[in-house]
Structure formats: C-alpha cells, structure tokens
Amino acid sequence: MTPNLDLSLQFGSFAGAAAHKALFKRAEVARWIAHALQGPAEMTVRIVGEAEGQALNLQYRGKDYATNVLTFDYTREPVVMADLVLCGPVLEREAKDQGKALKDHYAHLLVHGTLHAQGWDHETNERDALAMEAAEILLLASLGLPNPY
C-alpha cells in the first residue's frame, strides 16, 4: 500500500461489474490516486452501476442522471478524507465514444476526483478549468498515460 493513502476499494452490484473489477488491481488504483495527492489521505473508491450512480447524483447534486464520477470530500487537512464514486457503465460508454481504453479512462477520473477532493474545481471559471485540465494531463503523463483531452 502507498504509505500516504488508506484506500478502500468497493464494487456495487451491476451487470458487468466482474469485468470492471478484473480490469485493474487495488495497488494500481492506489498508485493513480496517490500520484495526485499532496499529502496523506483516507479514501474510498466505489464503482457502481447506473441506478446507484443516478440516485446519488440526484440526492446530492439534484441532477437526475448517472454521471461518470462523484467526489464527496469531507476534510482536506490534516488528512484528505473523501469518497469517489465512479459509474462503471457510464465510464464504459464514454471510453468507447471517445476511443479510449477503459482502464485509462478510470485512471483519469480517479486523478480528477482526487484533485476535487483537495479543492480543485473546474466549474468555477475557465481559468480554474484550464488549470485543472493541465494538472490532470501532467499527472497522467507522469504515470505513462495518454492525454485524456
């Protein structure tokens, strides 16, 4: 385990969940997340189906659809504590539509969610959005992964 990250990885019950679970190892998820962290963290990553993803997005954001990633950040200091909820079927569709490897898309959204958990925001203004995109591109490149944009 990465020393600055206490990680719980969970999978909800949905069609195709086994294929998503087989796609990557826990250590790999920890490496992607830890790479985007500025300090210690306790994080839960949950891969869910569309029904659970839609219910959470509606309950917490008032949006009645399943989105690719939801970040629930509880504390940022002295330890980042957050939950990242990724909707497997949405990621699968997006990866296919964008011509990306599903594993690379997961890595991108885990980095993206980890940045959100530390206070980064791309919805405030264009400058913040560009800064967050640039950070994601650099972090993914240093992991040997392609530019997600």
N, C-alpha and C. Protein backbone atom coordinates (compact mmCIF):
# COMPACT_ATOMS: atom_id res chain seq x y z
N MET A 1 0.85 -1.19 0.00
CA MET A 1 0.00 0.00 0.00
C MET A 1 0.89 1.24 0.00
N THR A 2 0.40 2.27 -0.65
CA THR A 2 1.09 3.55 -0.66
C THR A 2 1.04 4.14 0.74
N PRO A 3 2.17 4.58 1.30
CA PRO A 3 2.21 4.99 2.70
C PRO A 3 1.31 6.17 3.07
N ASN A 4 1.03 7.06 2.13
CA ASN A 4 0.22 8.23 2.48
C ASN A 4 -1.25 8.05 2.13
N LEU A 5 -1.66 6.84 1.78
CA LEU A 5 -3.03 6.60 1.36
C LEU A 5 -3.61 5.36 2.03
N ASP A 6 -4.72 5.55 2.72
CA ASP A 6 -5.51 4.44 3.25
C ASP A 6 -6.70 4.31 2.31
N LEU A 7 -6.73 3.25 1.52
CA LEU A 7 -7.70 3.11 0.44
C LEU A 7 -8.63 1.92 0.67
N SER A 8 -9.92 2.18 0.48
CA SER A 8 -10.92 1.11 0.43
C SER A 8 -11.48 1.11 -0.99
N LEU A 9 -11.47 -0.05 -1.63
CA LEU A 9 -11.99 -0.19 -2.99
C LEU A 9 -13.21 -1.09 -2.94
N GLN A 10 -14.35 -0.58 -3.42
CA GLN A 10 -15.61 -1.31 -3.36
C GLN A 10 -16.24 -1.38 -4.75
N PHE A 11 -17.01 -2.43 -4.96
CA PHE A 11 -17.76 -2.59 -6.20
C PHE A 11 -19.21 -2.85 -5.88
N GLY A 12 -20.09 -2.04 -6.46
CA GLY A 12 -21.51 -2.27 -6.31
C GLY A 12 -21.92 -3.45 -7.19
N SER A 13 -23.18 -3.78 -7.12
CA SER A 13 -23.72 -4.88 -7.91
C SER A 13 -24.39 -4.31 -9.15
N PHE A 14 -23.83 -4.63 -10.31
CA PHE A 14 -24.41 -4.18 -11.58
C PHE A 14 -23.94 -5.12 -12.69
N ALA A 15 -24.70 -5.14 -13.77
CA ALA A 15 -24.35 -6.00 -14.91
C ALA A 15 -22.96 -5.60 -15.41
N GLY A 16 -22.06 -6.56 -15.50
CA GLY A 16 -20.71 -6.29 -15.97
C GLY A 16 -19.74 -5.90 -14.88
N ALA A 17 -20.17 -5.91 -13.63
CA ALA A 17 -19.29 -5.50 -12.53
C ALA A 17 -18.03 -6.36 -12.46
N ALA A 18 -18.16 -7.64 -12.73
CA ALA A 18 -16.99 -8.53 -12.65
C ALA A 18 -15.91 -8.11 -13.65
N ALA A 19 -16.32 -7.71 -14.85
CA ALA A 19 -15.35 -7.28 -15.86
C ALA A 19 -14.64 -6.00 -15.41
N HIS A 20 -15.38 -5.10 -14.77
CA HIS A 20 -14.77 -3.86 -14.27
C HIS A 20 -13.80 -4.18 -13.13
N LYS A 21 -14.20 -5.09 -12.27
CA LYS A 21 -13.36 -5.46 -11.13
C LYS A 21 -12.06 -6.12 -11.62
N ALA A 22 -12.14 -6.90 -12.68
CA ALA A 22 -10.96 -7.59 -13.22
C ALA A 22 -10.04 -6.65 -13.99
N LEU A 23 -10.53 -5.48 -14.31
CA LEU A 23 -9.78 -4.55 -15.16
C LEU A 23 -8.50 -4.04 -14.51
N PHE A 24 -8.52 -3.83 -13.20
CA PHE A 24 -7.35 -3.28 -12.54
C PHE A 24 -7.21 -3.83 -11.13
N LYS A 25 -6.02 -3.71 -10.62
CA LYS A 25 -5.72 -4.18 -9.27
C LYS A 25 -5.81 -3.01 -8.28
N ARG A 26 -6.06 -3.34 -7.03
CA ARG A 26 -6.17 -2.34 -5.98
C ARG A 26 -4.90 -1.50 -5.88
N ALA A 27 -3.74 -2.13 -6.01
CA ALA A 27 -2.47 -1.41 -5.92
C ALA A 27 -2.35 -0.37 -7.04
N GLU A 28 -2.89 -0.69 -8.19
CA GLU A 28 -2.84 0.24 -9.32
C GLU A 28 -3.73 1.45 -9.04
N VAL A 29 -4.92 1.22 -8.51
CA VAL A 29 -5.82 2.31 -8.15
C VAL A 29 -5.15 3.19 -7.10
N ALA A 30 -4.52 2.57 -6.11
CA ALA A 30 -3.81 3.33 -5.07
C ALA A 30 -2.69 4.17 -5.68
N ARG A 31 -1.98 3.62 -6.64
CA ARG A 31 -0.88 4.36 -7.28
C ARG A 31 -1.41 5.57 -8.03
N TRP A 32 -2.50 5.42 -8.77
CA TRP A 32 -3.08 6.55 -9.52
C TRP A 32 -3.53 7.65 -8.58
N ILE A 33 -4.23 7.27 -7.52
CA ILE A 33 -4.74 8.26 -6.56
C ILE A 33 -3.58 8.92 -5.81
N ALA A 34 -2.66 8.12 -5.29
CA ALA A 34 -1.54 8.66 -4.52
C ALA A 34 -0.73 9.64 -5.34
N HIS A 35 -0.63 9.39 -6.62
CA HIS A 35 0.14 10.26 -7.50
C HIS A 35 -0.45 11.68 -7.56
N ALA A 36 -1.75 11.79 -7.36
CA ALA A 36 -2.42 13.10 -7.41
C ALA A 36 -2.57 13.74 -6.04
N LEU A 37 -2.13 13.05 -4.99
CA LEU A 37 -2.28 13.58 -3.64
C LEU A 37 -1.12 14.50 -3.26
N GLN A 38 -1.44 15.51 -2.47
CA GLN A 38 -0.42 16.42 -1.94
C GLN A 38 -0.01 16.02 -0.52
N GLY A 39 -0.75 15.11 0.10
CA GLY A 39 -0.46 14.69 1.46
C GLY A 39 -1.23 13.43 1.79
N PRO A 40 -1.31 13.07 3.06
CA PRO A 40 -1.97 11.83 3.45
C PRO A 40 -3.48 11.87 3.19
N ALA A 41 -4.03 10.68 2.95
CA ALA A 41 -5.46 10.61 2.65
C ALA A 41 -6.06 9.28 3.08
N GLU A 42 -7.35 9.36 3.39
CA GLU A 42 -8.18 8.17 3.61
C GLU A 42 -9.31 8.28 2.60
N MET A 43 -9.33 7.35 1.65
CA MET A 43 -10.30 7.45 0.57
C MET A 43 -10.98 6.11 0.32
N THR A 44 -12.24 6.21 -0.05
CA THR A 44 -12.99 5.06 -0.52
C THR A 44 -13.33 5.30 -1.98
N VAL A 45 -13.06 4.30 -2.79
CA VAL A 45 -13.46 4.33 -4.20
C VAL A 45 -14.52 3.26 -4.37
N ARG A 46 -15.66 3.65 -4.90
CA ARG A 46 -16.76 2.71 -5.13
C ARG A 46 -17.15 2.79 -6.60
N ILE A 47 -17.13 1.63 -7.25
CA ILE A 47 -17.55 1.51 -8.64
C ILE A 47 -18.99 1.01 -8.61
N VAL A 48 -19.90 1.79 -9.21
CA VAL A 48 -21.32 1.49 -9.12
C VAL A 48 -21.95 1.35 -10.50
N GLY A 49 -23.19 0.84 -10.50
CA GLY A 49 -23.99 0.78 -11.71
C GLY A 49 -24.77 2.07 -11.90
N GLU A 50 -25.53 2.13 -12.99
CA GLU A 50 -26.24 3.37 -13.30
C GLU A 50 -27.32 3.73 -12.29
N ALA A 51 -28.04 2.75 -11.76
CA ALA A 51 -29.11 3.06 -10.82
C ALA A 51 -28.55 3.73 -9.57
N GLU A 52 -27.47 3.16 -9.01
CA GLU A 52 -26.86 3.75 -7.81
C GLU A 52 -26.24 5.11 -8.13
N GLY A 53 -25.57 5.19 -9.27
CA GLY A 53 -24.95 6.46 -9.68
C GLY A 53 -25.99 7.56 -9.87
N GLN A 54 -27.10 7.22 -10.49
CA GLN A 54 -28.17 8.20 -10.72
C GLN A 54 -28.79 8.63 -9.40
N ALA A 55 -29.04 7.68 -8.52
CA ALA A 55 -29.64 8.01 -7.22
C ALA A 55 -28.74 8.95 -6.41
N LEU A 56 -27.45 8.69 -6.40
CA LEU A 56 -26.52 9.55 -5.66
C LEU A 56 -26.42 10.94 -6.30
N ASN A 57 -26.38 11.00 -7.62
CA ASN A 57 -26.29 12.28 -8.31
C ASN A 57 -27.54 13.12 -8.07
N LEU A 58 -28.70 12.46 -8.04
CA LEU A 58 -29.96 13.16 -7.77
C LEU A 58 -29.99 13.65 -6.32
N GLN A 59 -29.64 12.77 -5.40
CA GLN A 59 -29.71 13.12 -3.98
C GLN A 59 -28.75 14.24 -3.61
N TYR A 60 -27.52 14.21 -4.13
CA TYR A 60 -26.50 15.14 -3.67
C TYR A 60 -26.26 16.33 -4.59
N ARG A 61 -26.64 16.20 -5.87
CA ARG A 61 -26.41 17.31 -6.80
C ARG A 61 -27.69 17.79 -7.47
N GLY A 62 -28.82 17.09 -7.23
CA GLY A 62 -30.08 17.49 -7.83
C GLY A 62 -30.14 17.23 -9.32
N LYS A 63 -29.28 16.33 -9.81
CA LYS A 63 -29.23 16.02 -11.26
C LYS A 63 -29.66 14.58 -11.45
N ASP A 64 -30.70 14.38 -12.26
CA ASP A 64 -31.35 13.08 -12.39
C ASP A 64 -30.77 12.24 -13.52
N TYR A 65 -29.47 11.95 -13.42
CA TYR A 65 -28.79 11.06 -14.36
C TYR A 65 -27.53 10.53 -13.69
N ALA A 66 -27.03 9.43 -14.19
CA ALA A 66 -25.77 8.88 -13.68
C ALA A 66 -24.63 9.64 -14.34
N THR A 67 -23.71 10.14 -13.54
CA THR A 67 -22.54 10.84 -14.05
C THR A 67 -21.31 9.96 -13.90
N ASN A 68 -20.21 10.34 -14.52
CA ASN A 68 -19.04 9.48 -14.51
C ASN A 68 -18.37 9.38 -13.14
N VAL A 69 -18.21 10.50 -12.44
CA VAL A 69 -17.56 10.47 -11.12
C VAL A 69 -18.21 11.50 -10.20
N LEU A 70 -18.39 11.10 -8.97
CA LEU A 70 -18.85 11.99 -7.90
C LEU A 70 -17.77 11.99 -6.82
N THR A 71 -17.44 13.17 -6.35
CA THR A 71 -16.46 13.29 -5.28
C THR A 71 -17.16 13.84 -4.04
N PHE A 72 -17.04 13.11 -2.97
CA PHE A 72 -17.56 13.55 -1.68
C PHE A 72 -16.34 13.82 -0.80
N ASP A 73 -16.00 15.10 -0.64
CA ASP A 73 -14.83 15.44 0.17
C ASP A 73 -15.31 15.91 1.54
N TYR A 74 -14.75 15.30 2.57
CA TYR A 74 -15.18 15.56 3.94
C TYR A 74 -14.20 16.46 4.68
N THR A 75 -12.92 16.19 4.56
CA THR A 75 -11.88 17.06 5.13
C THR A 75 -10.72 17.11 4.16
N ARG A 76 -9.97 18.19 4.24
CA ARG A 76 -8.79 18.34 3.39
C ARG A 76 -7.51 18.39 4.21
N GLU A 77 -7.62 18.81 5.47
CA GLU A 77 -6.44 18.90 6.33
C GLU A 77 -6.80 18.42 7.73
N PRO A 78 -5.92 17.80 8.44
CA PRO A 78 -4.56 17.44 8.04
C PRO A 78 -4.52 16.22 7.12
N VAL A 79 -5.66 15.53 6.99
CA VAL A 79 -5.74 14.36 6.12
C VAL A 79 -6.92 14.55 5.18
N VAL A 80 -6.71 14.30 3.90
CA VAL A 80 -7.82 14.32 2.95
C VAL A 80 -8.68 13.09 3.22
N MET A 81 -9.96 13.33 3.45
CA MET A 81 -10.90 12.23 3.63
C MET A 81 -12.00 12.42 2.58
N ALA A 82 -12.17 11.41 1.72
CA ALA A 82 -13.12 11.56 0.62
C ALA A 82 -13.58 10.20 0.11
N ASP A 83 -14.74 10.24 -0.52
CA ASP A 83 -15.26 9.09 -1.25
C ASP A 83 -15.34 9.49 -2.73
N LEU A 84 -14.86 8.59 -3.59
CA LEU A 84 -15.01 8.77 -5.04
C LEU A 84 -15.94 7.67 -5.52
N VAL A 85 -17.01 8.07 -6.19
CA VAL A 85 -17.98 7.12 -6.73
C VAL A 85 -17.92 7.22 -8.24
N LEU A 86 -17.53 6.14 -8.88
CA LEU A 86 -17.44 6.10 -10.34
C LEU A 86 -18.50 5.16 -10.88
N CYS A 87 -19.20 5.59 -11.92
CA CYS A 87 -20.25 4.78 -12.52
C CYS A 87 -19.67 3.98 -13.68
N GLY A 88 -19.47 2.69 -13.44
CA GLY A 88 -18.84 1.82 -14.43
C GLY A 88 -19.47 1.87 -15.81
N PRO A 89 -20.79 1.70 -15.95
CA PRO A 89 -21.39 1.73 -17.28
C PRO A 89 -21.22 3.08 -17.99
N VAL A 90 -21.25 4.18 -17.25
CA VAL A 90 -21.04 5.49 -17.86
C VAL A 90 -19.60 5.61 -18.36
N LEU A 91 -18.64 5.18 -17.53
CA LEU A 91 -17.25 5.22 -17.96
C LEU A 91 -17.02 4.35 -19.19
N GLU A 92 -17.66 3.20 -19.21
CA GLU A 92 -17.52 2.29 -20.35
C GLU A 92 -18.03 2.95 -21.63
N ARG A 93 -19.20 3.57 -21.56
CA ARG A 93 -19.75 4.27 -22.74
C ARG A 93 -18.86 5.42 -23.19
N GLU A 94 -18.43 6.23 -22.21
CA GLU A 94 -17.58 7.37 -22.55
C GLU A 94 -16.27 6.92 -23.20
N ALA A 95 -15.64 5.90 -22.64
CA ALA A 95 -14.38 5.40 -23.20
C ALA A 95 -14.59 4.95 -24.63
N LYS A 96 -15.66 4.23 -24.87
CA LYS A 96 -15.95 3.75 -26.23
C LYS A 96 -16.19 4.93 -27.16
N ASP A 97 -17.03 5.87 -26.75
CA ASP A 97 -17.35 7.04 -27.58
C ASP A 97 -16.13 7.90 -27.87
N GLN A 98 -15.20 7.97 -26.92
CA GLN A 98 -14.01 8.82 -27.07
C GLN A 98 -12.80 8.06 -27.60
N GLY A 99 -12.97 6.77 -27.90
CA GLY A 99 -11.87 5.97 -28.44
C GLY A 99 -10.73 5.78 -27.46
N LYS A 100 -11.06 5.65 -26.16
CA LYS A 100 -10.05 5.48 -25.12
C LYS A 100 -10.12 4.08 -24.54
N ALA A 101 -9.00 3.65 -23.99
CA ALA A 101 -9.00 2.40 -23.23
C ALA A 101 -9.76 2.66 -21.93
N LEU A 102 -10.62 1.73 -21.53
CA LEU A 102 -11.42 1.90 -20.33
C LEU A 102 -10.53 2.09 -19.10
N LYS A 103 -9.46 1.35 -19.03
CA LYS A 103 -8.55 1.45 -17.89
C LYS A 103 -7.95 2.87 -17.80
N ASP A 104 -7.58 3.45 -18.94
CA ASP A 104 -7.04 4.81 -18.97
C ASP A 104 -8.10 5.82 -18.51
N HIS A 105 -9.35 5.58 -18.91
CA HIS A 105 -10.43 6.48 -18.52
C HIS A 105 -10.66 6.42 -17.00
N TYR A 106 -10.60 5.22 -16.44
CA TYR A 106 -10.69 5.07 -14.99
C TYR A 106 -9.55 5.85 -14.31
N ALA A 107 -8.34 5.68 -14.80
CA ALA A 107 -7.19 6.37 -14.20
C ALA A 107 -7.41 7.88 -14.23
N HIS A 108 -7.88 8.39 -15.37
CA HIS A 108 -8.12 9.83 -15.49
C HIS A 108 -9.15 10.31 -14.47
N LEU A 109 -10.26 9.60 -14.37
CA LEU A 109 -11.32 10.07 -13.48
C LEU A 109 -10.97 9.87 -12.00
N LEU A 110 -10.11 8.91 -11.70
CA LEU A 110 -9.62 8.78 -10.32
C LEU A 110 -8.70 9.95 -9.97
N VAL A 111 -7.84 10.33 -10.89
CA VAL A 111 -6.99 11.51 -10.69
C VAL A 111 -7.87 12.76 -10.58
N HIS A 112 -8.83 12.89 -11.47
CA HIS A 112 -9.76 14.03 -11.48
C HIS A 112 -10.50 14.14 -10.14
N GLY A 113 -11.06 13.04 -9.68
CA GLY A 113 -11.78 13.04 -8.41
C GLY A 113 -10.87 13.34 -7.23
N THR A 114 -9.64 12.85 -7.28
CA THR A 114 -8.67 13.11 -6.22
C THR A 114 -8.32 14.59 -6.16
N LEU A 115 -8.19 15.22 -7.31
CA LEU A 115 -7.95 16.67 -7.32
C LEU A 115 -9.15 17.41 -6.72
N HIS A 116 -10.36 17.01 -7.09
CA HIS A 116 -11.56 17.62 -6.50
C HIS A 116 -11.52 17.49 -4.97
N ALA A 117 -11.13 16.33 -4.48
CA ALA A 117 -11.11 16.09 -3.03
C ALA A 117 -10.14 17.02 -2.30
N GLN A 118 -9.21 17.59 -3.06
CA GLN A 118 -8.22 18.50 -2.48
C GLN A 118 -8.54 19.97 -2.78
N GLY A 119 -9.74 20.21 -3.33
CA GLY A 119 -10.18 21.58 -3.52
C GLY A 119 -10.11 22.12 -4.93
N TRP A 120 -9.59 21.35 -5.87
CA TRP A 120 -9.59 21.80 -7.26
C TRP A 120 -11.03 21.83 -7.77
N ASP A 121 -11.33 22.79 -8.64
CA ASP A 121 -12.68 22.91 -9.18
C ASP A 121 -12.61 23.43 -10.61
N HIS A 122 -13.31 22.76 -11.50
CA HIS A 122 -13.33 23.17 -12.91
C HIS A 122 -14.63 23.86 -13.29
N GLU A 123 -15.55 23.99 -12.33
CA GLU A 123 -16.85 24.58 -12.64
C GLU A 123 -16.95 26.04 -12.19
N THR A 124 -15.91 26.58 -11.56
CA THR A 124 -15.97 27.95 -11.07
C THR A 124 -15.75 28.96 -12.19
N ASN A 125 -14.71 28.73 -13.00
CA ASN A 125 -14.43 29.63 -14.12
C ASN A 125 -13.48 28.93 -15.09
N GLU A 126 -13.29 29.54 -16.24
CA GLU A 126 -12.47 28.92 -17.29
C GLU A 126 -11.01 28.77 -16.87
N ARG A 127 -10.49 29.74 -16.13
CA ARG A 127 -9.09 29.66 -15.69
C ARG A 127 -8.88 28.46 -14.79
N ASP A 128 -9.80 28.25 -13.84
CA ASP A 128 -9.69 27.09 -12.95
C ASP A 128 -9.84 25.79 -13.73
N ALA A 129 -10.74 25.78 -14.71
CA ALA A 129 -10.93 24.58 -15.53
C ALA A 129 -9.65 24.24 -16.31
N LEU A 130 -9.03 25.25 -16.89
CA LEU A 130 -7.79 25.03 -17.65
C LEU A 130 -6.65 24.58 -16.74
N ALA A 131 -6.59 25.15 -15.54
CA ALA A 131 -5.55 24.75 -14.58
C ALA A 131 -5.73 23.29 -14.16
N MET A 132 -6.98 22.90 -13.92
CA MET A 132 -7.24 21.52 -13.51
C MET A 132 -6.93 20.55 -14.65
N GLU A 133 -7.34 20.90 -15.86
CA GLU A 133 -7.02 20.05 -17.02
C GLU A 133 -5.52 19.89 -17.18
N ALA A 134 -4.78 20.99 -17.07
CA ALA A 134 -3.32 20.94 -17.21
C ALA A 134 -2.70 20.04 -16.15
N ALA A 135 -3.19 20.15 -14.91
CA ALA A 135 -2.68 19.30 -13.83
C ALA A 135 -2.96 17.83 -14.13
N GLU A 136 -4.17 17.53 -14.61
CA GLU A 136 -4.52 16.15 -14.94
C GLU A 136 -3.63 15.61 -16.05
N ILE A 137 -3.41 16.40 -17.08
CA ILE A 137 -2.56 15.97 -18.21
C ILE A 137 -1.16 15.65 -17.72
N LEU A 138 -0.59 16.53 -16.88
CA LEU A 138 0.77 16.31 -16.37
C LEU A 138 0.84 15.09 -15.45
N LEU A 139 -0.13 14.95 -14.56
CA LEU A 139 -0.13 13.80 -13.65
C LEU A 139 -0.26 12.49 -14.43
N LEU A 140 -1.16 12.45 -15.39
CA LEU A 140 -1.34 11.23 -16.17
C LEU A 140 -0.10 10.92 -17.02
N ALA A 141 0.50 11.95 -17.60
CA ALA A 141 1.72 11.74 -18.40
C ALA A 141 2.83 11.16 -17.53
N SER A 142 2.95 11.66 -16.29
CA SER A 142 4.00 11.15 -15.42
C SER A 142 3.72 9.71 -14.97
N LEU A 143 2.48 9.27 -15.14
CA LEU A 143 2.12 7.86 -14.88
C LEU A 143 2.24 7.02 -16.16
N GLY A 144 2.65 7.66 -17.27
CA GLY A 144 2.78 6.96 -18.53
C GLY A 144 1.46 6.78 -19.27
N LEU A 145 0.47 7.63 -18.93
CA LEU A 145 -0.85 7.52 -19.53
C LEU A 145 -1.09 8.68 -20.49
N PRO A 146 -1.93 8.46 -21.51
CA PRO A 146 -2.14 9.48 -22.53
C PRO A 146 -2.97 10.68 -22.05
N ASN A 147 -2.86 11.76 -22.78
CA ASN A 147 -3.65 12.97 -22.54
C ASN A 147 -5.13 12.61 -22.69
N PRO A 148 -5.93 12.84 -21.64
CA PRO A 148 -7.33 12.44 -21.71
C PRO A 148 -8.21 13.39 -22.51
N TYR A 149 -7.63 14.54 -22.87
CA TYR A 149 -8.40 15.54 -23.59
C TYR A 149 -8.01 15.53 -25.05
